């Protein structure tokens, strides 16, 4: 299940950019943050894929959503100019941004390469 973040929850769960100039990840496992808007067609295409991934990688990664309309300050802090944009936060390393509606296999590749999380095997 993807979780909607506000600025307040983002500061606690991902990165407190008000207190830290340098990236300091606050989460306990790697995460993906999907910057989206309700009116965005490509965002609607990505949403069910992210839901699937959140089930498949349950307990291994967190998947969050940020509504760019409601959280403009948060979007501005990350320089979001086009949506969907996804921020991949591996934990101890710098996060990486990807833009556009990526297909599932691309997202799985990024999860493996950037977040260093292997796809759980089907039982």
PDB file of N, CA and C in Angstrom:
ATOM      1  N   UNK A   1       0.842  -1.189   0.000  1.00  0.00           N
ATOM      2  CA  UNK A   1       0.000   0.000   0.000  1.00  0.00           C
ATOM      3  C   UNK A   1       0.883   1.247   0.000  1.00  0.00           C
ATOM      4  N   UNK A   2       0.684   2.117  -0.952  1.00  0.00           N
ATOM      5  CA  UNK A   2       1.467   3.349  -0.981  1.00  0.00           C
ATOM      6  C   UNK A   2       0.880   4.323   0.048  1.00  0.00           C
ATOM      7  N   UNK A   3       1.745   5.162   0.591  1.00  0.00           N
ATOM      8  CA  UNK A   3       1.318   6.095   1.638  1.00  0.00           C
ATOM      9  C   UNK A   3       1.482   7.522   1.146  1.00  0.00           C
ATOM     10  N   UNK A   4       0.455   8.330   1.355  1.00  0.00           N
ATOM     11  CA  UNK A   4       0.498   9.736   0.962  1.00  0.00           C
ATOM     12  C   UNK A   4       1.255  10.529   2.022  1.00  0.00           C
ATOM     13  N   UNK A   5       2.250  11.299   1.590  1.00  0.00           N
ATOM     14  CA  UNK A   5       3.031  12.101   2.528  1.00  0.00           C
ATOM     15  C   UNK A   5       2.655  13.574   2.442  1.00  0.00           C
ATOM     16  N   UNK A   6       2.630  14.208   3.608  1.00  0.00           N
ATOM     17  CA  UNK A   6       2.535  15.663   3.675  1.00  0.00           C
ATOM     18  C   UNK A   6       3.960  16.161   3.950  1.00  0.00           C
ATOM     19  N   UNK A   7       4.149  17.450   3.953  1.00  0.00           N
ATOM     20  CA  UNK A   7       5.477  17.967   4.275  1.00  0.00           C
ATOM     21  C   UNK A   7       5.906  17.482   5.659  1.00  0.00           C
ATOM     22  N   UNK A   8       4.977  17.514   6.597  1.00  0.00           N
ATOM     23  CA  UNK A   8       5.284  17.118   7.974  1.00  0.00           C
ATOM     24  C   UNK A   8       5.753  15.658   8.057  1.00  0.00           C
ATOM     25  N   UNK A   9       5.027  14.741   7.394  1.00  0.00           N
ATOM     26  CA  UNK A   9       5.428  13.330   7.449  1.00  0.00           C
ATOM     27  C   UNK A   9       6.681  13.079   6.620  1.00  0.00           C
ATOM     28  N   UNK A  10       6.856  13.848   5.547  1.00  0.00           N
ATOM     29  CA  UNK A  10       8.066  13.731   4.729  1.00  0.00           C
ATOM     30  C   UNK A  10       9.312  14.060   5.556  1.00  0.00           C
ATOM     31  N   UNK A  11       9.223  15.143   6.342  1.00  0.00           N
ATOM     32  CA  UNK A  11      10.363  15.567   7.166  1.00  0.00           C
ATOM     33  C   UNK A  11      10.757  14.473   8.160  1.00  0.00           C
ATOM     34  N   UNK A  12       9.773  13.714   8.654  1.00  0.00           N
ATOM     35  CA  UNK A  12      10.045  12.658   9.634  1.00  0.00           C
ATOM     36  C   UNK A  12      10.504  11.352   8.992  1.00  0.00           C
ATOM     37  N   UNK A  13       9.887  10.990   7.858  1.00  0.00           N
ATOM     38  CA  UNK A  13      10.115   9.662   7.286  1.00  0.00           C
ATOM     39  C   UNK A  13      11.181   9.617   6.201  1.00  0.00           C
ATOM     40  N   UNK A  14      11.452  10.764   5.555  1.00  0.00           N
ATOM     41  CA  UNK A  14      12.379  10.739   4.421  1.00  0.00           C
ATOM     42  C   UNK A  14      13.585  11.640   4.650  1.00  0.00           C
ATOM     43  N   UNK A  15      13.358  12.952   4.699  1.00  0.00           N
ATOM     44  CA  UNK A  15      14.481  13.890   4.786  1.00  0.00           C
ATOM     45  C   UNK A  15      13.997  15.200   5.382  1.00  0.00           C
ATOM     46  N   UNK A  16      14.617  15.611   6.489  1.00  0.00           N
ATOM     47  CA  UNK A  16      14.262  16.875   7.104  1.00  0.00           C
ATOM     48  C   UNK A  16      15.122  17.978   6.481  1.00  0.00           C
ATOM     49  N   UNK A  17      14.632  18.523   5.367  1.00  0.00           N
ATOM     50  CA  UNK A  17      15.404  19.544   4.644  1.00  0.00           C
ATOM     51  C   UNK A  17      15.381  20.892   5.353  1.00  0.00           C
ATOM     52  N   UNK A  18      14.574  21.041   6.386  1.00  0.00           N
ATOM     53  CA  UNK A  18      14.577  22.299   7.149  1.00  0.00           C
ATOM     54  C   UNK A  18      15.749  22.322   8.132  1.00  0.00           C
ATOM     55  N   UNK A  19      16.126  21.143   8.651  1.00  0.00           N
ATOM     56  CA  UNK A  19      17.229  21.059   9.612  1.00  0.00           C
ATOM     57  C   UNK A  19      18.574  20.714   8.976  1.00  0.00           C
ATOM     58  N   UNK A  20      18.536  20.013   7.851  1.00  0.00           N
ATOM     59  CA  UNK A  20      19.776  19.540   7.233  1.00  0.00           C
ATOM     60  C   UNK A  20      19.965  20.096   5.833  1.00  0.00           C
ATOM     61  N   UNK A  21      21.157  20.615   5.577  1.00  0.00           N
ATOM     62  CA  UNK A  21      21.488  21.075   4.226  1.00  0.00           C
ATOM     63  C   UNK A  21      21.896  19.872   3.383  1.00  0.00           C
ATOM     64  N   UNK A  22      22.688  18.972   4.001  1.00  0.00           N
ATOM     65  CA  UNK A  22      23.143  17.766   3.305  1.00  0.00           C
ATOM     66  C   UNK A  22      22.083  16.684   3.435  1.00  0.00           C
ATOM     67  N   UNK A  23      21.987  15.838   2.416  1.00  0.00           N
ATOM     68  CA  UNK A  23      21.020  14.739   2.432  1.00  0.00           C
ATOM     69  C   UNK A  23      21.262  13.834   3.633  1.00  0.00           C
ATOM     70  N   UNK A  24      20.218  13.604   4.403  1.00  0.00           N
ATOM     71  CA  UNK A  24      20.291  12.686   5.544  1.00  0.00           C
ATOM     72  C   UNK A  24      18.968  11.928   5.569  1.00  0.00           C
ATOM     73  N   UNK A  25      19.027  10.670   5.155  1.00  0.00           N
ATOM     74  CA  UNK A  25      17.821   9.862   5.038  1.00  0.00           C
ATOM     75  C   UNK A  25      17.295   9.484   6.416  1.00  0.00           C
ATOM     76  N   UNK A  26      16.006   9.718   6.648  1.00  0.00           N
ATOM     77  CA  UNK A  26      15.398   9.461   7.952  1.00  0.00           C
ATOM     78  C   UNK A  26      14.723   8.088   8.030  1.00  0.00           C
ATOM     79  N   UNK A  27      14.545   7.420   6.887  1.00  0.00           N
ATOM     80  CA  UNK A  27      13.798   6.166   6.864  1.00  0.00           C
ATOM     81  C   UNK A  27      14.607   4.978   7.354  1.00  0.00           C
ATOM     82  N   UNK A  28      13.909   3.864   7.600  1.00  0.00           N
ATOM     83  CA  UNK A  28      14.594   2.662   8.052  1.00  0.00           C
ATOM     84  C   UNK A  28      14.773   1.650   6.922  1.00  0.00           C
ATOM     85  N   UNK A  29      14.160   1.911   5.753  1.00  0.00           N
ATOM     86  CA  UNK A  29      14.409   1.074   4.580  1.00  0.00           C
ATOM     87  C   UNK A  29      14.321   1.942   3.332  1.00  0.00           C
ATOM     88  N   UNK A  30      14.926   1.494   2.220  1.00  0.00           N
ATOM     89  CA  UNK A  30      14.906   2.305   0.996  1.00  0.00           C
ATOM     90  C   UNK A  30      13.467   2.664   0.607  1.00  0.00           C
ATOM     91  N   UNK A  31      13.318   3.778  -0.102  1.00  0.00           N
ATOM     92  CA  UNK A  31      11.968   4.168  -0.504  1.00  0.00           C
ATOM     93  C   UNK A  31      11.944   4.819  -1.876  1.00  0.00           C
ATOM     94  N   UNK A  32      10.741   4.844  -2.425  1.00  0.00           N
ATOM     95  CA  UNK A  32      10.454   5.567  -3.670  1.00  0.00           C
ATOM     96  C   UNK A  32       9.412   6.607  -3.311  1.00  0.00           C
ATOM     97  N   UNK A  33       9.627   7.837  -3.779  1.00  0.00           N
ATOM     98  CA  UNK A  33       8.632   8.881  -3.579  1.00  0.00           C
ATOM     99  C   UNK A  33       8.119   9.291  -4.944  1.00  0.00           C
ATOM    100  N   UNK A  34       6.825   9.137  -5.135  1.00  0.00           N
ATOM    101  CA  UNK A  34       6.174   9.462  -6.399  1.00  0.00           C
ATOM    102  C   UNK A  34       5.545  10.848  -6.259  1.00  0.00           C
ATOM    103  N   UNK A  35       6.099  11.819  -7.009  1.00  0.00           N
ATOM    104  CA  UNK A  35       5.517  13.166  -7.040  1.00  0.00           C
ATOM    105  C   UNK A  35       4.492  13.161  -8.168  1.00  0.00           C
ATOM    106  N   UNK A  36       3.224  13.409  -7.834  1.00  0.00           N
ATOM    107  CA  UNK A  36       2.152  13.273  -8.815  1.00  0.00           C
ATOM    108  C   UNK A  36       1.109  14.379  -8.625  1.00  0.00           C
ATOM    109  N   UNK A  37       0.117  14.408  -9.543  1.00  0.00           N
ATOM    110  CA  UNK A  37      -1.067  15.262  -9.382  1.00  0.00           C
ATOM    111  C   UNK A  37      -2.266  14.468  -9.893  1.00  0.00           C
ATOM    112  N   UNK A  38      -3.424  14.737  -9.312  1.00  0.00           N
ATOM    113  CA  UNK A  38      -4.636  13.996  -9.678  1.00  0.00           C
ATOM    114  C   UNK A  38      -5.015  14.178 -11.149  1.00  0.00           C
ATOM    115  N   UNK A  39      -4.698  15.340 -11.733  1.00  0.00           N
ATOM    116  CA  UNK A  39      -5.087  15.617 -13.117  1.00  0.00           C
ATOM    117  C   UNK A  39      -4.105  15.042 -14.144  1.00  0.00           C
ATOM    118  N   UNK A  40      -3.011  14.451 -13.678  1.00  0.00           N
ATOM    119  CA  UNK A  40      -1.934  14.011 -14.574  1.00  0.00           C
ATOM    120  C   UNK A  40      -2.194  12.596 -15.104  1.00  0.00           C
ATOM    121  N   UNK A  41      -2.402  12.474 -16.421  1.00  0.00           N
ATOM    122  CA  UNK A  41      -2.666  11.181 -17.056  1.00  0.00           C
ATOM    123  C   UNK A  41      -1.571  10.144 -16.832  1.00  0.00           C
ATOM    124  N   UNK A  42      -0.305  10.482 -17.150  1.00  0.00           N
ATOM    125  CA  UNK A  42       0.781   9.512 -16.929  1.00  0.00           C
ATOM    126  C   UNK A  42       0.904   9.082 -15.463  1.00  0.00           C
ATOM    127  N   UNK A  43       0.582   9.991 -14.526  1.00  0.00           N
ATOM    128  CA  UNK A  43       0.625   9.645 -13.093  1.00  0.00           C
ATOM    129  C   UNK A  43      -0.384   8.542 -12.797  1.00  0.00           C
ATOM    130  N   UNK A  44      -1.556   8.636 -13.445  1.00  0.00           N
ATOM    131  CA  UNK A  44      -2.598   7.623 -13.245  1.00  0.00           C
ATOM    132  C   UNK A  44      -2.165   6.270 -13.790  1.00  0.00           C
ATOM    133  N   UNK A  45      -1.325   6.288 -14.838  1.00  0.00           N
ATOM    134  CA  UNK A  45      -0.826   5.030 -15.400  1.00  0.00           C
ATOM    135  C   UNK A  45       0.191   4.379 -14.460  1.00  0.00           C
ATOM    136  N   UNK A  46       0.985   5.186 -13.776  1.00  0.00           N
ATOM    137  CA  UNK A  46       2.030   4.677 -12.887  1.00  0.00           C
ATOM    138  C   UNK A  46       1.460   4.187 -11.551  1.00  0.00           C
ATOM    139  N   UNK A  47       0.379   4.798 -11.092  1.00  0.00           N
ATOM    140  CA  UNK A  47      -0.174   4.486  -9.761  1.00  0.00           C
ATOM    141  C   UNK A  47      -0.413   2.986  -9.524  1.00  0.00           C
ATOM    142  N   UNK A  48      -1.109   2.266 -10.437  1.00  0.00           N
ATOM    143  CA  UNK A  48      -1.331   0.839 -10.158  1.00  0.00           C
ATOM    144  C   UNK A  48      -0.035   0.027 -10.167  1.00  0.00           C
ATOM    145  N   UNK A  49       0.952   0.447 -10.953  1.00  0.00           N
ATOM    146  CA  UNK A  49       2.256  -0.241 -10.984  1.00  0.00           C
ATOM    147  C   UNK A  49       2.936  -0.085  -9.626  1.00  0.00           C
ATOM    148  N   UNK A  50       2.881   1.127  -9.063  1.00  0.00           N
ATOM    149  CA  UNK A  50       3.488   1.367  -7.751  1.00  0.00           C
ATOM    150  C   UNK A  50       2.769   0.575  -6.661  1.00  0.00           C
ATOM    151  N   UNK A  51       1.446   0.444  -6.782  1.00  0.00           N
ATOM    152  CA  UNK A  51       0.692  -0.371  -5.821  1.00  0.00           C
ATOM    153  C   UNK A  51       1.173  -1.827  -5.888  1.00  0.00           C
ATOM    154  N   UNK A  52       1.334  -2.341  -7.118  1.00  0.00           N
ATOM    155  CA  UNK A  52       1.827  -3.716  -7.309  1.00  0.00           C
ATOM    156  C   UNK A  52       3.199  -3.880  -6.675  1.00  0.00           C
ATOM    157  N   UNK A  53       4.092  -2.927  -6.965  1.00  0.00           N
ATOM    158  CA  UNK A  53       5.455  -2.998  -6.428  1.00  0.00           C
ATOM    159  C   UNK A  53       5.452  -2.933  -4.906  1.00  0.00           C
ATOM    160  N   UNK A  54       4.539  -2.133  -4.334  1.00  0.00           N
ATOM    161  CA  UNK A  54       4.503  -2.029  -2.871  1.00  0.00           C
ATOM    162  C   UNK A  54       4.098  -3.363  -2.246  1.00  0.00           C
ATOM    163  N   UNK A  55       3.272  -4.138  -2.952  1.00  0.00           N
ATOM    164  CA  UNK A  55       2.913  -5.472  -2.475  1.00  0.00           C
ATOM    165  C   UNK A  55       4.080  -6.444  -2.652  1.00  0.00           C
ATOM    166  N   UNK A  56       4.685  -6.415  -3.854  1.00  0.00           N
ATOM    167  CA  UNK A  56       5.764  -7.350  -4.177  1.00  0.00           C
ATOM    168  C   UNK A  56       7.000  -7.139  -3.301  1.00  0.00           C
ATOM    169  N   UNK A  57       7.267  -5.894  -2.937  1.00  0.00           N
ATOM    170  CA  UNK A  57       8.458  -5.578  -2.146  1.00  0.00           C
ATOM    171  C   UNK A  57       8.091  -5.232  -0.697  1.00  0.00           C
ATOM    172  N   UNK A  58       6.940  -5.704  -0.244  1.00  0.00           N
ATOM    173  CA  UNK A  58       6.453  -5.400   1.111  1.00  0.00           C
ATOM    174  C   UNK A  58       7.527  -5.749   2.150  1.00  0.00           C
ATOM    175  N   UNK A  59       7.803  -4.802   3.050  1.00  0.00           N
ATOM    176  CA  UNK A  59       8.804  -5.036   4.084  1.00  0.00           C
ATOM    177  C   UNK A  59      10.230  -4.766   3.641  1.00  0.00           C
ATOM    178  N   UNK A  60      10.435  -4.578   2.322  1.00  0.00           N
ATOM    179  CA  UNK A  60      11.787  -4.329   1.805  1.00  0.00           C
ATOM    180  C   UNK A  60      11.999  -2.872   1.412  1.00  0.00           C
ATOM    181  N   UNK A  61      10.945  -2.269   0.827  1.00  0.00           N
ATOM    182  CA  UNK A  61      11.009  -0.846   0.489  1.00  0.00           C
ATOM    183  C   UNK A  61       9.677  -0.194   0.857  1.00  0.00           C
ATOM    184  N   UNK A  62       9.714   1.127   1.059  1.00  0.00           N
ATOM    185  CA  UNK A  62       8.493   1.899   1.265  1.00  0.00           C
ATOM    186  C   UNK A  62       8.211   2.674  -0.011  1.00  0.00           C
ATOM    187  N   UNK A  63       6.955   2.806  -0.360  1.00  0.00           N
ATOM    188  CA  UNK A  63       6.582   3.623  -1.516  1.00  0.00           C
ATOM    189  C   UNK A  63       5.627   4.699  -1.022  1.00  0.00           C
ATOM    190  N   UNK A  64       6.036   5.949  -1.243  1.00  0.00           N
ATOM    191  CA  UNK A  64       5.263   7.106  -0.801  1.00  0.00           C
ATOM    192  C   UNK A  64       4.804   7.908  -2.013  1.00  0.00           C
ATOM    193  N   UNK A  65       3.725   8.679  -1.816  1.00  0.00           N
ATOM    194  CA  UNK A  65       3.237   9.575  -2.857  1.00  0.00           C
ATOM    195  C   UNK A  65       3.181  10.991  -2.282  1.00  0.00           C
ATOM    196  N   UNK A  66       3.510  11.958  -3.116  1.00  0.00           N
ATOM    197  CA  UNK A  66       3.400  13.362  -2.727  1.00  0.00           C
ATOM    198  C   UNK A  66       2.561  14.062  -3.786  1.00  0.00           C
ATOM    199  N   UNK A  67       1.443  14.629  -3.358  1.00  0.00           N
ATOM    200  CA  UNK A  67       0.564  15.381  -4.251  1.00  0.00           C
ATOM    201  C   UNK A  67       1.189  16.762  -4.468  1.00  0.00           C
ATOM    202  N   UNK A  68       1.662  16.995  -5.685  1.00  0.00           N
ATOM    203  CA  UNK A  68       2.388  18.243  -5.967  1.00  0.00           C
ATOM    204  C   UNK A  68       1.486  19.478  -5.863  1.00  0.00           C
ATOM    205  N   UNK A  69       0.182  19.294  -6.025  1.00  0.00           N
ATOM    206  CA  UNK A  69      -0.740  20.431  -5.889  1.00  0.00           C
ATOM    207  C   UNK A  69      -0.879  20.830  -4.413  1.00  0.00           C
ATOM    208  N   UNK A  70      -1.016  19.824  -3.545  1.00  0.00           N
ATOM    209  CA  UNK A  70      -1.215  20.081  -2.118  1.00  0.00           C
ATOM    210  C   UNK A  70       0.092  20.434  -1.418  1.00  0.00           C
ATOM    211  N   UNK A  71       1.200  19.878  -1.905  1.00  0.00           N
ATOM    212  CA  UNK A  71       2.498  20.050  -1.232  1.00  0.00           C
ATOM    213  C   UNK A  71       3.484  20.799  -2.129  1.00  0.00           C
ATOM    214  N   UNK A  72       3.140  22.043  -2.439  1.00  0.00           N
ATOM    215  CA  UNK A  72       3.960  22.817  -3.375  1.00  0.00           C
ATOM    216  C   UNK A  72       5.347  23.132  -2.831  1.00  0.00           C
ATOM    217  N   UNK A  73       5.435  23.352  -1.527  1.00  0.00           N
ATOM    218  CA  UNK A  73       6.740  23.655  -0.930  1.00  0.00           C
ATOM    219  C   UNK A  73       7.673  22.451  -1.049  1.00  0.00           C
ATOM    220  N   UNK A  74       7.125  21.275  -0.819  1.00  0.00           N
ATOM    221  CA  UNK A  74       7.884  20.030  -0.928  1.00  0.00           C
ATOM    222  C   UNK A  74       8.345  19.818  -2.370  1.00  0.00           C
ATOM    223  N   UNK A  75       7.447  20.041  -3.320  1.00  0.00           N
ATOM    224  CA  UNK A  75       7.796  19.902  -4.737  1.00  0.00           C
ATOM    225  C   UNK A  75       8.888  20.888  -5.125  1.00  0.00           C
ATOM    226  N   UNK A  76       8.777  22.112  -4.637  1.00  0.00           N
ATOM    227  CA  UNK A  76       9.776  23.136  -4.946  1.00  0.00           C
ATOM    228  C   UNK A  76      11.133  22.777  -4.346  1.00  0.00           C
ATOM    229  N   UNK A  77      11.121  22.205  -3.148  1.00  0.00           N
ATOM    230  CA  UNK A  77      12.374  21.833  -2.479  1.00  0.00           C
ATOM    231  C   UNK A  77      13.160  20.824  -3.309  1.00  0.00           C
ATOM    232  N   UNK A  78      12.459  20.007  -4.097  1.00  0.00           N
ATOM    233  CA  UNK A  78      13.123  18.994  -4.927  1.00  0.00           C
ATOM    234  C   UNK A  78      13.136  19.370  -6.397  1.00  0.00           C
ATOM    235  N   UNK A  79      12.750  20.603  -6.701  1.00  0.00           N
ATOM    236  CA  UNK A  79      12.826  21.090  -8.073  1.00  0.00           C
ATOM    237  C   UNK A  79      11.950  20.307  -9.039  1.00  0.00           C
ATOM    238  N   UNK A  80      10.790  19.881  -8.582  1.00  0.00           N
ATOM    239  CA  UNK A  80       9.898  19.109  -9.443  1.00  0.00           C
ATOM    240  C   UNK A  80       9.271  20.049 -10.469  1.00  0.00           C
ATOM    241  N   UNK A  81       9.559  19.797 -11.749  1.00  0.00           N
ATOM    242  CA  UNK A  81       9.012  20.629 -12.816  1.00  0.00           C
ATOM    243  C   UNK A  81       8.073  19.839 -13.712  1.00  0.00           C
ATOM    244  N   UNK A  82       8.286  18.535 -13.788  1.00  0.00           N
ATOM    245  CA  UNK A  82       7.385  17.710 -14.589  1.00  0.00           C
ATOM    246  C   UNK A  82       6.985  16.502 -13.756  1.00  0.00           C
ATOM    247  N   UNK A  83       5.773  16.036 -14.013  1.00  0.00           N
ATOM    248  CA  UNK A  83       5.299  14.876 -13.261  1.00  0.00           C
ATOM    249  C   UNK A  83       4.796  13.834 -14.254  1.00  0.00           C
ATOM    250  N   UNK A  84       4.849  12.569 -13.909  1.00  0.00           N
ATOM    251  CA  UNK A  84       5.354  12.071 -12.641  1.00  0.00           C
ATOM    252  C   UNK A  84       6.874  12.163 -12.550  1.00  0.00           C
ATOM    253  N   UNK A  85       7.352  12.440 -11.344  1.00  0.00           N
ATOM    254  CA  UNK A  85       8.775  12.369 -11.022  1.00  0.00           C
ATOM    255  C   UNK A  85       8.894  11.455  -9.819  1.00  0.00           C
ATOM    256  N   UNK A  86       9.895  10.604  -9.840  1.00  0.00           N
ATOM    257  CA  UNK A  86      10.088   9.696  -8.716  1.00  0.00           C
ATOM    258  C   UNK A  86      11.474   9.860  -8.139  1.00  0.00           C
ATOM    259  N   UNK A  87      11.509   9.948  -6.825  1.00  0.00           N
ATOM    260  CA  UNK A  87      12.767  10.059  -6.100  1.00  0.00           C
ATOM    261  C   UNK A  87      13.061   8.702  -5.475  1.00  0.00           C
ATOM    262  N   UNK A  88      14.205   8.134  -5.833  1.00  0.00           N
ATOM    263  CA  UNK A  88      14.617   6.837  -5.303  1.00  0.00           C
ATOM    264  C   UNK A  88      15.642   7.068  -4.207  1.00  0.00           C
ATOM    265  N   UNK A  89      15.315   6.679  -2.992  1.00  0.00           N
ATOM    266  CA  UNK A  89      16.175   6.931  -1.832  1.00  0.00           C
ATOM    267  C   UNK A  89      16.730   5.609  -1.315  1.00  0.00           C
ATOM    268  N   UNK A  90      18.025   5.331  -1.596  1.00  0.00           N
ATOM    269  CA  UNK A  90      18.596   4.050  -1.192  1.00  0.00           C
ATOM    270  C   UNK A  90      18.944   3.931   0.278  1.00  0.00           C
ATOM    271  N   UNK A  91      18.909   4.992   1.019  1.00  0.00           N
ATOM    272  CA  UNK A  91      19.295   4.907   2.424  1.00  0.00           C
ATOM    273  C   UNK A  91      20.584   5.669   2.645  1.00  0.00           C
ATOM    274  N   UNK A  92      21.714   4.959   2.628  1.00  0.00           N
ATOM    275  CA  UNK A  92      22.995   5.585   2.928  1.00  0.00           C
ATOM    276  C   UNK A  92      23.590   6.424   1.815  1.00  0.00           C
ATOM    277  N   UNK A  93      23.007   6.361   0.610  1.00  0.00           N
ATOM    278  CA  UNK A  93      23.578   7.094  -0.523  1.00  0.00           C
ATOM    279  C   UNK A  93      22.666   8.232  -0.948  1.00  0.00           C
ATOM    280  N   UNK A  94      23.165   9.025  -1.895  1.00  0.00           N
ATOM    281  CA  UNK A  94      22.370  10.131  -2.426  1.00  0.00           C
ATOM    282  C   UNK A  94      21.166   9.582  -3.194  1.00  0.00           C
ATOM    283  N   UNK A  95      20.035  10.267  -3.090  1.00  0.00           N
ATOM    284  CA  UNK A  95      18.856   9.821  -3.842  1.00  0.00           C
ATOM    285  C   UNK A  95      19.016  10.128  -5.328  1.00  0.00           C
ATOM    286  N   UNK A  96      18.256   9.441  -6.151  1.00  0.00           N
ATOM    287  CA  UNK A  96      18.268   9.687  -7.588  1.00  0.00           C
ATOM    288  C   UNK A  96      16.855   9.944  -8.067  1.00  0.00           C
ATOM    289  N   UNK A  97      16.727  10.871  -9.013  1.00  0.00           N
ATOM    290  CA  UNK A  97      15.416  11.254  -9.535  1.00  0.00           C
ATOM    291  C   UNK A  97      15.225  10.653 -10.919  1.00  0.00           C
ATOM    292  N   UNK A  98      14.023  10.175 -11.177  1.00  0.00           N
ATOM    293  CA  UNK A  98      13.655   9.713 -12.520  1.00  0.00           C
ATOM    294  C   UNK A  98      12.353  10.409 -12.888  1.00  0.00           C
ATOM    295  N   UNK A  99      12.231  10.785 -14.174  1.00  0.00           N
ATOM    296  CA  UNK A  99      11.025  11.486 -14.601  1.00  0.00           C
ATOM    297  C   UNK A  99      10.287  10.687 -15.662  1.00  0.00           C
ATOM    298  N   UNK A 100       8.971  10.869 -15.670  1.00  0.00           N
ATOM    299  CA  UNK A 100       8.148  10.214 -16.673  1.00  0.00           C
ATOM    300  C   UNK A 100       7.490   8.960 -16.139  1.00  0.00           C
ATOM    301  N   UNK A 101       6.521   8.469 -16.910  1.00  0.00           N
ATOM    302  CA  UNK A 101       5.787   7.256 -16.544  1.00  0.00           C
ATOM    303  C   UNK A 101       6.610   6.048 -16.984  1.00  0.00           C
ATOM    304  N   UNK A 102       7.366   5.491 -16.052  1.00  0.00           N
ATOM    305  CA  UNK A 102       8.233   4.363 -16.378  1.00  0.00           C
ATOM    306  C   UNK A 102       7.458   3.051 -16.303  1.00  0.00           C
ATOM    307  N   UNK A 103       7.747   2.125 -17.245  1.00  0.00           N
ATOM    308  CA  UNK A 103       7.102   0.817 -17.157  1.00  0.00           C
ATOM    309  C   UNK A 103       7.639   0.017 -15.972  1.00  0.00           C
ATOM    310  N   UNK A 104       6.884  -1.002 -15.587  1.00  0.00           N
ATOM    311  CA  UNK A 104       7.209  -1.776 -14.396  1.00  0.00           C
ATOM    312  C   UNK A 104       8.627  -2.346 -14.430  1.00  0.00           C
ATOM    313  N   UNK A 105       9.042  -2.926 -15.579  1.00  0.00           N
ATOM    314  CA  UNK A 105      10.378  -3.539 -15.617  1.00  0.00           C
ATOM    315  C   UNK A 105      11.488  -2.507 -15.405  1.00  0.00           C
ATOM    316  N   UNK A 106      11.279  -1.263 -15.862  1.00  0.00           N
ATOM    317  CA  UNK A 106      12.270  -0.202 -15.611  1.00  0.00           C
ATOM    318  C   UNK A 106      12.337   0.125 -14.125  1.00  0.00           C
ATOM    319  N   UNK A 107      11.179   0.201 -13.492  1.00  0.00           N
ATOM    320  CA  UNK A 107      11.137   0.501 -12.056  1.00  0.00           C
ATOM    321  C   UNK A 107      11.815  -0.615 -11.262  1.00  0.00           C
ATOM    322  N   UNK A 108      11.572  -1.861 -11.655  1.00  0.00           N
ATOM    323  CA  UNK A 108      12.215  -2.993 -10.969  1.00  0.00           C
ATOM    324  C   UNK A 108      13.734  -2.927 -11.127  1.00  0.00           C
ATOM    325  N   UNK A 109      14.194  -2.523 -12.305  1.00  0.00           N
ATOM    326  CA  UNK A 109      15.639  -2.389 -12.551  1.00  0.00           C
ATOM    327  C   UNK A 109      16.236  -1.302 -11.650  1.00  0.00           C
ATOM    328  N   UNK A 110      15.532  -0.179 -11.521  1.00  0.00           N
ATOM    329  CA  UNK A 110      16.008   0.917 -10.667  1.00  0.00           C
ATOM    330  C   UNK A 110      16.013   0.475  -9.203  1.00  0.00           C
ATOM    331  N   UNK A 111      14.975  -0.273  -8.794  1.00  0.00           N
ATOM    332  CA  UNK A 111      14.922  -0.765  -7.411  1.00  0.00           C
ATOM    333  C   UNK A 111      16.152  -1.624  -7.136  1.00  0.00           C
ATOM    334  N   UNK A 112      16.511  -2.458  -8.112  1.00  0.00           N
ATOM    335  CA  UNK A 112      17.671  -3.331  -7.930  1.00  0.00           C
ATOM    336  C   UNK A 112      18.991  -2.546  -7.990  1.00  0.00           C
ATOM    337  N   UNK A 113      19.125  -1.651  -8.979  1.00  0.00           N
ATOM    338  CA  UNK A 113      20.389  -0.933  -9.192  1.00  0.00           C
ATOM    339  C   UNK A 113      20.619   0.199  -8.204  1.00  0.00           C
ATOM    340  N   UNK A 114      19.589   1.003  -7.944  1.00  0.00           N
ATOM    341  CA  UNK A 114      19.740   2.190  -7.103  1.00  0.00           C
ATOM    342  C   UNK A 114      19.446   1.872  -5.629  1.00  0.00           C
ATOM    343  N   UNK A 115      18.344   1.179  -5.397  1.00  0.00           N
ATOM    344  CA  UNK A 115      17.963   0.881  -4.012  1.00  0.00           C
ATOM    345  C   UNK A 115      18.664  -0.372  -3.486  1.00  0.00           C
ATOM    346  N   UNK A 116      19.299  -1.124  -4.391  1.00  0.00           N
ATOM    347  CA  UNK A 116      20.046  -2.352  -4.023  1.00  0.00           C
ATOM    348  C   UNK A 116      19.135  -3.383  -3.343  1.00  0.00           C
ATOM    349  N   UNK A 117      17.915  -3.508  -3.854  1.00  0.00           N
ATOM    350  CA  UNK A 117      16.965  -4.462  -3.310  1.00  0.00           C
ATOM    351  C   UNK A 117      16.616  -5.459  -4.409  1.00  0.00           C
ATOM    352  N   UNK A 118      16.860  -6.717  -4.131  1.00  0.00           N
ATOM    353  CA  UNK A 118      16.530  -7.785  -5.087  1.00  0.00           C
ATOM    354  C   UNK A 118      15.044  -8.070  -5.036  1.00  0.00           C
ATOM    355  N   UNK A 119      14.506  -8.433  -6.205  1.00  0.00           N
ATOM    356  CA  UNK A 119      13.092  -8.779  -6.261  1.00  0.00           C
ATOM    357  C   UNK A 119      12.849 -10.064  -5.464  1.00  0.00           C
ATOM    358  N   UNK A 120      11.882 -10.020  -4.537  1.00  0.00           N
ATOM    359  CA  UNK A 120      11.588 -11.227  -3.769  1.00  0.00           C
ATOM    360  C   UNK A 120      11.086 -12.328  -4.711  1.00  0.00           C
ATOM    361  N   UNK A 121      11.513 -13.547  -4.479  1.00  0.00           N
ATOM    362  CA  UNK A 121      11.071 -14.642  -5.343  1.00  0.00           C
ATOM    363  C   UNK A 121       9.653 -15.046  -4.993  1.00  0.00           C
ATOM    364  N   UNK A 122       8.932 -15.431  -6.019  1.00  0.00           N
ATOM    365  CA  UNK A 122       7.531 -15.870  -5.816  1.00  0.00           C
ATOM    366  C   UNK A 122       7.535 -17.208  -5.111  1.00  0.00           C
ATOM    367  N   UNK A 123       6.607 -17.376  -4.193  1.00  0.00           N
ATOM    368  CA  UNK A 123       6.521 -18.643  -3.428  1.00  0.00           C
ATOM    369  C   UNK A 123       5.519 -19.565  -4.114  1.00  0.00           C
TER     370      UNK A 123
END
